PDB file of N, CA and C in Angstrom:
ATOM      1  N   MET A   1     113.860 -35.905  50.849  1.00  0.00           N
ATOM      2  CA  MET A   1     115.281 -35.645  50.821  1.00  0.00           C
ATOM      3  C   MET A   1     115.659 -34.722  49.657  1.00  0.00           C
ATOM      4  N   THR A   2     114.912 -34.819  48.573  1.00  0.00           N
ATOM      5  CA  THR A   2     115.247 -33.992  47.411  1.00  0.00           C
ATOM      6  C   THR A   2     114.957 -32.512  47.664  1.00  0.00           C
ATOM      7  N   VAL A   3     113.997 -32.223  48.532  1.00  0.00           N
ATOM      8  CA  VAL A   3     113.706 -30.824  48.854  1.00  0.00           C
ATOM      9  C   VAL A   3     114.891 -30.206  49.586  1.00  0.00           C
ATOM     10  N   ILE A   4     115.470 -30.960  50.510  1.00  0.00           N
ATOM     11  CA  ILE A   4     116.640 -30.467  51.238  1.00  0.00           C
ATOM     12  C   ILE A   4     117.807 -30.271  50.280  1.00  0.00           C
ATOM     13  N   LEU A   5     117.991 -31.201  49.355  1.00  0.00           N
ATOM     14  CA  LEU A   5     119.060 -31.080  48.366  1.00  0.00           C
ATOM     15  C   LEU A   5     118.856 -29.859  47.484  1.00  0.00           C
ATOM     16  N   GLN A   6     117.644 -29.617  47.051  1.00  0.00           N
ATOM     17  CA  GLN A   6     117.360 -28.450  46.218  1.00  0.00           C
ATOM     18  C   GLN A   6     117.625 -27.151  46.980  1.00  0.00           C
ATOM     19  N   ILE A   7     117.277 -27.122  48.246  1.00  0.00           N
ATOM     20  CA  ILE A   7     117.534 -25.931  49.063  1.00  0.00           C
ATOM     21  C   ILE A   7     119.036 -25.710  49.217  1.00  0.00           C
ATOM     22  N   LEU A   8     119.788 -26.781  49.489  1.00  0.00           N
ATOM     23  CA  LEU A   8     121.243 -26.652  49.624  1.00  0.00           C
ATOM     24  C   LEU A   8     121.891 -26.187  48.323  1.00  0.00           C
ATOM     25  N   LEU A   9     121.447 -26.729  47.201  1.00  0.00           N
ATOM     26  CA  LEU A   9     122.004 -26.322  45.912  1.00  0.00           C
ATOM     27  C   LEU A   9     121.680 -24.865  45.602  1.00  0.00           C
ATOM     28  N   GLN A  10     120.487 -24.419  45.954  1.00  0.00           N
ATOM     29  CA  GLN A  10     120.127 -23.013  45.753  1.00  0.00           C
ATOM     30  C   GLN A  10     120.974 -22.098  46.644  1.00  0.00           C
ATOM     31  N   LEU A  11     121.206 -22.515  47.884  1.00  0.00           N
ATOM     32  CA  LEU A  11     122.046 -21.724  48.786  1.00  0.00           C
ATOM     33  C   LEU A  11     123.472 -21.617  48.256  1.00  0.00           C
ATOM     34  N   ILE A  12     123.988 -22.705  47.712  1.00  0.00           N
ATOM     35  CA  ILE A  12     125.330 -22.675  47.121  1.00  0.00           C
ATOM     36  C   ILE A  12     125.354 -21.751  45.920  1.00  0.00           C
ATOM     37  N   ARG A  13     124.322 -21.788  45.100  1.00  0.00           N
ATOM     38  CA  ARG A  13     124.251 -20.917  43.924  1.00  0.00           C
ATOM     39  C   ARG A  13     124.186 -19.441  44.340  1.00  0.00           C
ATOM     40  N   VAL A  14     123.361 -19.135  45.323  1.00  0.00           N
ATOM     41  CA  VAL A  14     123.244 -17.752  45.799  1.00  0.00           C
ATOM     42  C   VAL A  14     124.575 -17.290  46.397  1.00  0.00           C
ATOM     43  N   TYR A  15     125.237 -18.159  47.139  1.00  0.00           N
ATOM     44  CA  TYR A  15     126.523 -17.785  47.729  1.00  0.00           C
ATOM     45  C   TYR A  15     127.576 -17.543  46.653  1.00  0.00           C
ATOM     46  N   ASN A  16     127.527 -18.324  45.568  1.00  0.00           N
ATOM     47  CA  ASN A  16     128.428 -18.078  44.442  1.00  0.00           C
ATOM     48  C   ASN A  16     128.196 -16.683  43.866  1.00  0.00           C
ATOM     49  N   TYR A  17     126.941 -16.294  43.715  1.00  0.00           N
ATOM     50  CA  TYR A  17     126.632 -14.961  43.200  1.00  0.00           C
ATOM     51  C   TYR A  17     127.119 -13.876  44.156  1.00  0.00           C
ATOM     52  N   LEU A  18     126.980 -14.118  45.453  1.00  0.00           N
ATOM     53  CA  LEU A  18     127.461 -13.148  46.437  1.00  0.00           C
ATOM     54  C   LEU A  18     128.979 -13.007  46.370  1.00  0.00           C
ATOM     55  N   LEU A  19     129.673 -14.114  46.144  1.00  0.00           N
ATOM     56  CA  LEU A  19     131.127 -14.055  46.004  1.00  0.00           C
ATOM     57  C   LEU A  19     131.538 -13.259  44.769  1.00  0.00           C
ATOM     58  N   VAL A  20     130.841 -13.459  43.668  1.00  0.00           N
ATOM     59  CA  VAL A  20     131.140 -12.709  42.448  1.00  0.00           C
ATOM     60  C   VAL A  20     130.858 -11.225  42.660  1.00  0.00           C
ATOM     61  N   ALA A  21     129.755 -10.912  43.304  1.00  0.00           N
ATOM     62  CA  ALA A  21     129.430  -9.507  43.577  1.00  0.00           C
ATOM     63  C   ALA A  21     130.487  -8.880  44.485  1.00  0.00           C
ATOM     64  N   TYR A  22     130.953  -9.616  45.464  1.00  0.00           N
ATOM     65  CA  TYR A  22     131.994  -9.121  46.360  1.00  0.00           C
ATOM     66  C   TYR A  22     133.287  -8.862  45.595  1.00  0.00           C
ATOM     67  N   ALA A  23     133.618  -9.749  44.674  1.00  0.00           N
ATOM     68  CA  ALA A  23     134.820  -9.559  43.866  1.00  0.00           C
ATOM     69  C   ALA A  23     134.678  -8.345  42.956  1.00  0.00           C
ATOM     70  N   LEU A  24     133.498  -8.122  42.424  1.00  0.00           N
ATOM     71  CA  LEU A  24     133.283  -6.980  41.538  1.00  0.00           C
ATOM     72  C   LEU A  24     133.360  -5.649  42.279  1.00  0.00           C
ATOM     73  N   LEU A  25     133.124  -5.661  43.570  1.00  0.00           N
ATOM     74  CA  LEU A  25     133.230  -4.432  44.353  1.00  0.00           C
ATOM     75  C   LEU A  25     134.647  -3.866  44.336  1.00  0.00           C
ATOM     76  N   SER A  26     135.633  -4.721  44.100  1.00  0.00           N
ATOM     77  CA  SER A  26     137.018  -4.249  44.086  1.00  0.00           C
ATOM     78  C   SER A  26     137.294  -3.324  42.905  1.00  0.00           C
ATOM     79  N   TRP A  27     136.445  -3.315  41.917  1.00  0.00           N
ATOM     80  CA  TRP A  27     136.621  -2.454  40.744  1.00  0.00           C
ATOM     81  C   TRP A  27     136.214  -1.012  41.022  1.00  0.00           C
ATOM     82  N   PHE A  28     135.468  -0.790  42.080  1.00  0.00           N
ATOM     83  CA  PHE A  28     134.934   0.537  42.376  1.00  0.00           C
ATOM     84  C   PHE A  28     135.562   1.067  43.671  1.00  0.00           C
ATOM     85  N   PRO A  29     136.209   2.216  43.609  1.00  0.00           N
ATOM     86  CA  PRO A  29     136.840   2.760  44.825  1.00  0.00           C
ATOM     87  C   PRO A  29     135.795   3.089  45.898  1.00  0.00           C
ATOM     88  N   GLY A  30     136.069   2.654  47.095  1.00  0.00           N
ATOM     89  CA  GLY A  30     135.188   2.952  48.218  1.00  0.00           C
ATOM     90  C   GLY A  30     133.935   2.097  48.275  1.00  0.00           C
ATOM     91  N   ALA A  31     133.814   1.115  47.388  1.00  0.00           N
ATOM     92  CA  ALA A  31     132.593   0.303  47.360  1.00  0.00           C
ATOM     93  C   ALA A  31     132.472  -0.591  48.591  1.00  0.00           C
ATOM     94  N   TYR A  32     133.608  -0.996  49.156  1.00  0.00           N
ATOM     95  CA  TYR A  32     133.552  -1.844  50.346  1.00  0.00           C
ATOM     96  C   TYR A  32     133.043  -1.088  51.568  1.00  0.00           C
ATOM     97  N   HIS A  33     133.082   0.228  51.512  1.00  0.00           N
ATOM     98  CA  HIS A  33     132.624   1.046  52.639  1.00  0.00           C
ATOM     99  C   HIS A  33     131.158   1.458  52.509  1.00  0.00           C
ATOM    100  N   SER A  34     130.524   1.119  51.398  1.00  0.00           N
ATOM    101  CA  SER A  34     129.103   1.418  51.238  1.00  0.00           C
ATOM    102  C   SER A  34     128.292   0.391  52.029  1.00  0.00           C
ATOM    103  N   TRP A  35     127.003   0.628  52.138  1.00  0.00           N
ATOM    104  CA  TRP A  35     126.166  -0.288  52.923  1.00  0.00           C
ATOM    105  C   TRP A  35     126.113  -1.667  52.278  1.00  0.00           C
ATOM    106  N   ILE A  36     126.081  -1.736  50.958  1.00  0.00           N
ATOM    107  CA  ILE A  36     126.039  -3.052  50.304  1.00  0.00           C
ATOM    108  C   ILE A  36     127.382  -3.755  50.414  1.00  0.00           C
ATOM    109  N   GLY A  37     128.464  -2.969  50.383  1.00  0.00           N
ATOM    110  CA  GLY A  37     129.785  -3.548  50.563  1.00  0.00           C
ATOM    111  C   GLY A  37     129.970  -4.122  51.950  1.00  0.00           C
ATOM    112  N   GLN A  38     129.460  -3.412  52.948  1.00  0.00           N
ATOM    113  CA  GLN A  38     129.552  -3.911  54.319  1.00  0.00           C
ATOM    114  C   GLN A  38     128.672  -5.138  54.525  1.00  0.00           C
ATOM    115  N   LEU A  39     127.500  -5.151  53.873  1.00  0.00           N
ATOM    116  CA  LEU A  39     126.619  -6.319  53.956  1.00  0.00           C
ATOM    117  C   LEU A  39     127.282  -7.536  53.332  1.00  0.00           C
ATOM    118  N   LEU A  40     127.836  -7.360  52.127  1.00  0.00           N
ATOM    119  CA  LEU A  40     128.518  -8.472  51.465  1.00  0.00           C
ATOM    120  C   LEU A  40     129.748  -8.920  52.249  1.00  0.00           C
ATOM    121  N   SER A  41     130.470  -7.976  52.819  1.00  0.00           N
ATOM    122  CA  SER A  41     131.640  -8.335  53.628  1.00  0.00           C
ATOM    123  C   SER A  41     131.242  -9.182  54.824  1.00  0.00           C
ATOM    124  N   GLY A  42     130.152  -8.835  55.451  1.00  0.00           N
ATOM    125  CA  GLY A  42     129.688  -9.604  56.599  1.00  0.00           C
ATOM    126  C   GLY A  42     129.274 -11.020  56.246  1.00  0.00           C
ATOM    127  N   ILE A  43     128.804 -11.201  55.026  1.00  0.00           N
ATOM    128  CA  ILE A  43     128.362 -12.527  54.591  1.00  0.00           C
ATOM    129  C   ILE A  43     129.529 -13.351  54.051  1.00  0.00           C
ATOM    130  N   VAL A  44     130.435 -12.714  53.309  1.00  0.00           N
ATOM    131  CA  VAL A  44     131.464 -13.430  52.565  1.00  0.00           C
ATOM    132  C   VAL A  44     132.767 -13.599  53.359  1.00  0.00           C
ATOM    133  N   GLU A  45     133.136 -12.614  54.145  1.00  0.00           N
ATOM    134  CA  GLU A  45     134.427 -12.643  54.842  1.00  0.00           C
ATOM    135  C   GLU A  45     134.624 -13.852  55.763  1.00  0.00           C
ATOM    136  N   PRO A  46     133.612 -14.345  56.481  1.00  0.00           N
ATOM    137  CA  PRO A  46     133.862 -15.521  57.336  1.00  0.00           C
ATOM    138  C   PRO A  46     134.337 -16.750  56.556  1.00  0.00           C
ATOM    139  N   ILE A  47     133.928 -16.878  55.311  1.00  0.00           N
ATOM    140  CA  ILE A  47     134.389 -17.999  54.498  1.00  0.00           C
ATOM    141  C   ILE A  47     135.737 -17.677  53.861  1.00  0.00           C
ATOM    142  N   LEU A  48     135.974 -16.425  53.522  1.00  0.00           N
ATOM    143  CA  LEU A  48     137.234 -16.032  52.881  1.00  0.00           C
ATOM    144  C   LEU A  48     138.434 -16.107  53.824  1.00  0.00           C
ATOM    145  N   LYS A  49     138.237 -15.800  55.090  1.00  0.00           N
ATOM    146  CA  LYS A  49     139.364 -15.716  56.028  1.00  0.00           C
ATOM    147  C   LYS A  49     140.205 -16.990  56.091  1.00  0.00           C
ATOM    148  N   PRO A  50     139.618 -18.172  56.237  1.00  0.00           N
ATOM    149  CA  PRO A  50     140.476 -19.371  56.287  1.00  0.00           C
ATOM    150  C   PRO A  50     141.244 -19.610  54.984  1.00  0.00           C
ATOM    151  N   PHE A  51     140.661 -19.243  53.862  1.00  0.00           N
ATOM    152  CA  PHE A  51     141.305 -19.487  52.578  1.00  0.00           C
ATOM    153  C   PHE A  51     142.379 -18.450  52.257  1.00  0.00           C
ATOM    154  N   ARG A  52     142.332 -17.298  52.880  1.00  0.00           N
ATOM    155  CA  ARG A  52     143.346 -16.269  52.629  1.00  0.00           C
ATOM    156  C   ARG A  52     144.722 -16.719  53.124  1.00  0.00           C
ATOM    157  N   SER A  53     144.763 -17.636  54.086  1.00  0.00           N
ATOM    158  CA  SER A  53     146.046 -18.133  54.577  1.00  0.00           C
ATOM    159  C   SER A  53     146.730 -19.053  53.564  1.00  0.00           C
ATOM    160  N   LEU A  54     146.015 -19.481  52.527  1.00  0.00           N
ATOM    161  CA  LEU A  54     146.615 -20.329  51.491  1.00  0.00           C
ATOM    162  C   LEU A  54     147.481 -19.535  50.524  1.00  0.00           C
ATOM    163  N   ASN A  55     147.400 -18.209  50.595  1.00  0.00           N
ATOM    164  CA  ASN A  55     148.193 -17.310  49.745  1.00  0.00           C
ATOM    165  C   ASN A  55     147.993 -17.637  48.259  1.00  0.00           C
ATOM    166  N   LEU A  56     146.800 -17.437  47.782  1.00  0.00           N
ATOM    167  CA  LEU A  56     146.445 -17.710  46.392  1.00  0.00           C
ATOM    168  C   LEU A  56     146.557 -16.465  45.518  1.00  0.00           C
ATOM    169  N   GLN A  57     147.550 -15.632  45.794  1.00  0.00           N
ATOM    170  CA  GLN A  57     147.756 -14.426  45.005  1.00  0.00           C
ATOM    171  C   GLN A  57     148.919 -14.648  44.053  1.00  0.00           C
ATOM    172  N   PHE A  58     148.659 -14.422  42.763  1.00  0.00           N
ATOM    173  CA  PHE A  58     149.677 -14.554  41.744  1.00  0.00           C
ATOM    174  C   PHE A  58     149.629 -13.329  40.842  1.00  0.00           C
ATOM    175  N   ALA A  59     150.760 -12.701  40.638  1.00  0.00           N
ATOM    176  CA  ALA A  59     150.884 -11.538  39.756  1.00  0.00           C
ATOM    177  C   ALA A  59     149.916 -10.423  40.152  1.00  0.00           C
ATOM    178  N   GLY A  60     149.703 -10.245  41.441  1.00  0.00           N
ATOM    179  CA  GLY A  60     148.842  -9.168  41.919  1.00  0.00           C
ATOM    180  C   GLY A  60     147.359  -9.462  41.852  1.00  0.00           C
ATOM    181  N   ILE A  61     146.995 -10.674  41.482  1.00  0.00           N
ATOM    182  CA  ILE A  61     145.572 -11.056  41.391  1.00  0.00           C
ATOM    183  C   ILE A  61     145.290 -12.093  42.466  1.00  0.00           C
ATOM    184  N   ASP A  62     144.223 -11.876  43.215  1.00  0.00           N
ATOM    185  CA  ASP A  62     143.832 -12.793  44.285  1.00  0.00           C
ATOM    186  C   ASP A  62     142.835 -13.808  43.738  1.00  0.00           C
ATOM    187  N   PHE A  63     143.226 -15.075  43.769  1.00  0.00           N
ATOM    188  CA  PHE A  63     142.385 -16.151  43.253  1.00  0.00           C
ATOM    189  C   PHE A  63     141.628 -16.874  44.362  1.00  0.00           C
ATOM    190  N   THR A  64     141.558 -16.277  45.544  1.00  0.00           N
ATOM    191  CA  THR A  64     140.885 -16.919  46.669  1.00  0.00           C
ATOM    192  C   THR A  64     139.397 -17.126  46.380  1.00  0.00           C
ATOM    193  N   ILE A  65     138.739 -16.113  45.868  1.00  0.00           N
ATOM    194  CA  ILE A  65     137.308 -16.229  45.581  1.00  0.00           C
ATOM    195  C   ILE A  65     137.067 -17.272  44.497  1.00  0.00           C
ATOM    196  N   PHE A  66     137.930 -17.288  43.491  1.00  0.00           N
ATOM    197  CA  PHE A  66     137.810 -18.281  42.423  1.00  0.00           C
ATOM    198  C   PHE A  66     137.952 -19.698  42.978  1.00  0.00           C
ATOM    199  N   ALA A  67     138.895 -19.904  43.895  1.00  0.00           N
ATOM    200  CA  ALA A  67     139.088 -21.226  44.500  1.00  0.00           C
ATOM    201  C   ALA A  67     137.872 -21.637  45.323  1.00  0.00           C
ATOM    202  N   ILE A  68     137.271 -20.692  46.029  1.00  0.00           N
ATOM    203  CA  ILE A  68     136.084 -21.008  46.827  1.00  0.00           C
ATOM    204  C   ILE A  68     134.909 -21.358  45.917  1.00  0.00           C
ATOM    205  N   ILE A  69     134.757 -20.636  44.823  1.00  0.00           N
ATOM    206  CA  ILE A  69     133.669 -20.944  43.888  1.00  0.00           C
ATOM    207  C   ILE A  69     133.852 -22.340  43.299  1.00  0.00           C
ATOM    208  N   ILE A  70     135.077 -22.690  42.937  1.00  0.00           N
ATOM    209  CA  ILE A  70     135.341 -24.038  42.431  1.00  0.00           C
ATOM    210  C   ILE A  70     135.029 -25.077  43.505  1.00  0.00           C
ATOM    211  N   GLY A  71     135.432 -24.796  44.739  1.00  0.00           N
ATOM    212  CA  GLY A  71     135.144 -25.717  45.836  1.00  0.00           C
ATOM    213  C   GLY A  71     133.658 -25.883  46.095  1.00  0.00           C
ATOM    214  N   LEU A  72     132.903 -24.795  46.021  1.00  0.00           N
ATOM    215  CA  LEU A  72     131.450 -24.889  46.223  1.00  0.00           C
ATOM    216  C   LEU A  72     130.781 -25.654  45.091  1.00  0.00           C
ATOM    217  N   ASN A  73     131.249 -25.466  43.871  1.00  0.00           N
ATOM    218  CA  ASN A  73     130.694 -26.220  42.753  1.00  0.00           C
ATOM    219  C   ASN A  73     131.023 -27.703  42.883  1.00  0.00           C
ATOM    220  N   PHE A  74     132.226 -28.012  43.345  1.00  0.00           N
ATOM    221  CA  PHE A  74     132.603 -29.390  43.603  1.00  0.00           C
ATOM    222  C   PHE A  74     131.728 -29.997  44.700  1.00  0.00           C
ATOM    223  N   LEU A  75     131.465 -29.221  45.755  1.00  0.00           N
ATOM    224  CA  LEU A  75     130.588 -29.667  46.835  1.00  0.00           C
ATOM    225  C   LEU A  75     129.176 -29.942  46.328  1.00  0.00           C
ATOM    226  N   SER A  76     128.670 -29.089  45.456  1.00  0.00           N
ATOM    227  CA  SER A  76     127.317 -29.304  44.933  1.00  0.00           C
ATOM    228  C   SER A  76     127.255 -30.559  44.092  1.00  0.00           C
ATOM    229  N   GLN A  77     128.318 -30.861  43.321  1.00  0.00           N
ATOM    230  CA  GLN A  77     128.338 -32.104  42.547  1.00  0.00           C
ATOM    231  C   GLN A  77     128.377 -33.323  43.449  1.00  0.00           C
ATOM    232  N   ILE A  78     129.114 -33.235  44.533  1.00  0.00           N
ATOM    233  CA  ILE A  78     129.167 -34.343  45.493  1.00  0.00           C
ATOM    234  C   ILE A  78     127.796 -34.545  46.128  1.00  0.00           C
ATOM    235  N   LEU A  79     127.140 -33.460  46.514  1.00  0.00           N
ATOM    236  CA  LEU A  79     125.808 -33.579  47.113  1.00  0.00           C
ATOM    237  C   LEU A  79     124.818 -34.224  46.157  1.00  0.00           C
ATOM    238  N   VAL A  80     124.885 -33.857  44.896  1.00  0.00           N
ATOM    239  CA  VAL A  80     123.966 -34.448  43.915  1.00  0.00           C
ATOM    240  C   VAL A  80     124.237 -35.935  43.774  1.00  0.00           C
ATOM    241  N   LYS A  81     125.503 -36.336  43.719  1.00  0.00           N
ATOM    242  CA  LYS A  81     125.835 -37.759  43.561  1.00  0.00           C
ATOM    243  C   LYS A  81     125.466 -38.577  44.791  1.00  0.00           C
ATOM    244  N   VAL A  82     125.594 -37.973  45.965  1.00  0.00           N
ATOM    245  CA  VAL A  82     125.294 -38.713  47.201  1.00  0.00           C
ATOM    246  C   VAL A  82     123.790 -38.863  47.408  1.00  0.00           C
ATOM    247  N   PHE A  83     123.027 -37.792  47.154  1.00  0.00           N
ATOM    248  CA  PHE A  83     121.616 -37.816  47.491  1.00  0.00           C
ATOM    249  C   PHE A  83     120.696 -38.227  46.343  1.00  0.00           C
ATOM    250  N   VAL A  84     121.215 -38.356  45.140  1.00  0.00           N
ATOM    251  CA  VAL A  84     120.337 -38.730  44.016  1.00  0.00           C
ATOM    252  C   VAL A  84     120.616 -40.139  43.586  1.00  0.00           C
TER     253      VAL A  84
END
């Protein structure tokens, strides 16, 4: 069971990094249209879409990715407590 938990925790960690990389693409004009931007969009957008309806934008800053990262970290803590 611990092998499955370790794999899930690694997947959550990798997805967190992908979310941060996707957020950093906004700093570069046209980065979302590059091949890496399209790859990251294909991976990250399916999770972002449901959360975008929560309207987590304040003062021109979108906190949707930050909320998802917090949620994934919370999920990983729950998984550790349940399976360990």
